Amino acid sequence: MRAYVLITIEAGQGTAVQDALRAAGIEQVDQVAGSYDLVAVIEGNDPRAVGELVIGTVQKTAGVASTVTLLSIG
């Protein structure tokens, strides 16, 4: 299962958060322009595994202010 995590960060923390998420094993983390600052692509065996990565890793990363998770359905 794949999910796209839209991440809002604290000002000036883009590269630090991006590097921290990659170091935590999230391979695709891109800085973007618009309403969100980063987009991470997360893969898990099921929705629970995806949720654990978002809550346990992404949301606990220093500099992350908020997240929106979009589960892929097709």
C-alpha atoms as a PDB file:
ATOM      1  CA  MET A   1       0.000   0.000   0.000  1.00  0.00           C
ATOM      2  CA  ARG A   2       1.266   3.449  -0.915  1.00  0.00           C
ATOM      3  CA  ALA A   3       0.499   6.790   0.707  1.00  0.00           C
ATOM      4  CA  TYR A   4       1.459  10.344  -0.073  1.00  0.00           C
ATOM      5  CA  VAL A   5       2.160  12.419   3.021  1.00  0.00           C
ATOM      6  CA  LEU A   6       1.827  16.179   2.632  1.00  0.00           C
ATOM      7  CA  ILE A   7       4.015  17.839   5.250  1.00  0.00           C
ATOM      8  CA  THR A   8       4.013  21.351   6.653  1.00  0.00           C
ATOM      9  CA  ILE A   9       7.242  22.285   8.426  1.00  0.00           C
ATOM     10  CA  GLU A  10       8.584  25.043  10.619  1.00  0.00           C
ATOM     11  CA  ALA A  11      10.199  27.899   8.678  1.00  0.00           C
ATOM     12  CA  GLY A  12      13.684  27.186   7.405  1.00  0.00           C
ATOM     13  CA  GLN A  13      13.604  23.462   8.229  1.00  0.00           C
ATOM     14  CA  GLY A  14      13.038  22.005   4.737  1.00  0.00           C
ATOM     15  CA  THR A  15      16.410  20.439   4.113  1.00  0.00           C
ATOM     16  CA  ALA A  16      16.864  19.279   7.712  1.00  0.00           C
ATOM     17  CA  VAL A  17      13.466  17.546   7.776  1.00  0.00           C
ATOM     18  CA  GLN A  18      13.997  16.073   4.321  1.00  0.00           C
ATOM     19  CA  ASP A  19      17.374  14.654   5.352  1.00  0.00           C
ATOM     20  CA  ALA A  20      15.982  13.300   8.647  1.00  0.00           C
ATOM     21  CA  LEU A  21      13.120  11.498   6.911  1.00  0.00           C
ATOM     22  CA  ARG A  22      15.462   9.973   4.347  1.00  0.00           C
ATOM     23  CA  ALA A  23      17.783   8.850   7.154  1.00  0.00           C
ATOM     24  CA  ALA A  24      14.741   7.227   8.817  1.00  0.00           C
ATOM     25  CA  GLY A  25      14.253   5.077   5.708  1.00  0.00           C
ATOM     26  CA  ILE A  26      11.722   7.049   3.688  1.00  0.00           C
ATOM     27  CA  GLU A  27      13.308   6.986   0.253  1.00  0.00           C
ATOM     28  CA  GLN A  28      11.231   9.589  -1.562  1.00  0.00           C
ATOM     29  CA  VAL A  29      10.869  12.954   0.148  1.00  0.00           C
ATOM     30  CA  ASP A  30      10.567  16.006  -2.089  1.00  0.00           C
ATOM     31  CA  GLN A  31      10.468  19.701  -1.251  1.00  0.00           C
ATOM     32  CA  VAL A  32       7.571  21.359  -3.079  1.00  0.00           C
ATOM     33  CA  ALA A  33       6.123  24.828  -3.589  1.00  0.00           C
ATOM     34  CA  GLY A  34       2.528  25.541  -2.613  1.00  0.00           C
ATOM     35  CA  SER A  35       0.348  24.883   0.411  1.00  0.00           C
ATOM     36  CA  TYR A  36       2.705  22.177   1.715  1.00  0.00           C
ATOM     37  CA  ASP A  37       6.479  22.115   2.094  1.00  0.00           C
ATOM     38  CA  LEU A  38       7.362  18.447   1.572  1.00  0.00           C
ATOM     39  CA  VAL A  39       5.748  15.376   0.035  1.00  0.00           C
ATOM     40  CA  ALA A  40       6.845  11.931   1.190  1.00  0.00           C
ATOM     41  CA  VAL A  41       5.902   8.653  -0.469  1.00  0.00           C
ATOM     42  CA  ILE A  42       5.428   5.903   2.109  1.00  0.00           C
ATOM     43  CA  GLU A  43       4.959   2.208   1.427  1.00  0.00           C
ATOM     44  CA  GLY A  44       3.546  -0.333   3.873  1.00  0.00           C
ATOM     45  CA  ASN A  45       1.906  -3.747   3.851  1.00  0.00           C
ATOM     46  CA  ASP A  46      -1.433  -2.335   4.995  1.00  0.00           C
ATOM     47  CA  PRO A  47      -3.040   0.901   6.238  1.00  0.00           C
ATOM     48  CA  ARG A  48      -1.934   0.204   9.813  1.00  0.00           C
ATOM     49  CA  ALA A  49       1.734  -0.050   8.755  1.00  0.00           C
ATOM     50  CA  VAL A  50       1.435   3.204   6.819  1.00  0.00           C
ATOM     51  CA  GLY A  51      -0.189   4.876   9.828  1.00  0.00           C
ATOM     52  CA  GLU A  52       2.571   3.686  12.134  1.00  0.00           C
ATOM     53  CA  LEU A  53       5.203   5.220   9.838  1.00  0.00           C
ATOM     54  CA  VAL A  54       3.335   8.507   9.644  1.00  0.00           C
ATOM     55  CA  ILE A  55       2.606   8.774  13.362  1.00  0.00           C
ATOM     56  CA  GLY A  56       5.773   7.127  14.655  1.00  0.00           C
ATOM     57  CA  THR A  57       8.301   8.600  12.257  1.00  0.00           C
ATOM     58  CA  VAL A  58       7.086  11.544  10.197  1.00  0.00           C
ATOM     59  CA  GLN A  59       5.071  13.351  12.870  1.00  0.00           C
ATOM     60  CA  LYS A  60       7.813  12.872  15.476  1.00  0.00           C
ATOM     61  CA  THR A  61      10.534  14.359  13.259  1.00  0.00           C
ATOM     62  CA  ALA A  62      11.842  17.670  14.579  1.00  0.00           C
ATOM     63  CA  GLY A  63      10.603  20.547  12.445  1.00  0.00           C
ATOM     64  CA  VAL A  64       7.378  18.859  11.269  1.00  0.00           C
ATOM     65  CA  ALA A  65       4.359  21.025  12.115  1.00  0.00           C
ATOM     66  CA  SER A  66       1.547  18.976  10.538  1.00  0.00           C
ATOM     67  CA  THR A  67       0.764  16.225   8.031  1.00  0.00           C
ATOM     68  CA  VAL A  68      -2.030  15.151   5.697  1.00  0.00           C
ATOM     69  CA  THR A  69      -1.948  11.514   4.540  1.00  0.00           C
ATOM     70  CA  LEU A  70      -3.445  10.432   1.231  1.00  0.00           C
ATOM     71  CA  LEU A  71      -3.833   6.667   0.771  1.00  0.00           C
ATOM     72  CA  SER A  72      -3.483   5.481  -2.808  1.00  0.00           C
ATOM     73  CA  ILE A  73      -6.532   3.535  -4.003  1.00  0.00           C
ATOM     74  CA  GLY A  74      -5.509   2.580  -7.497  1.00  0.00           C
END
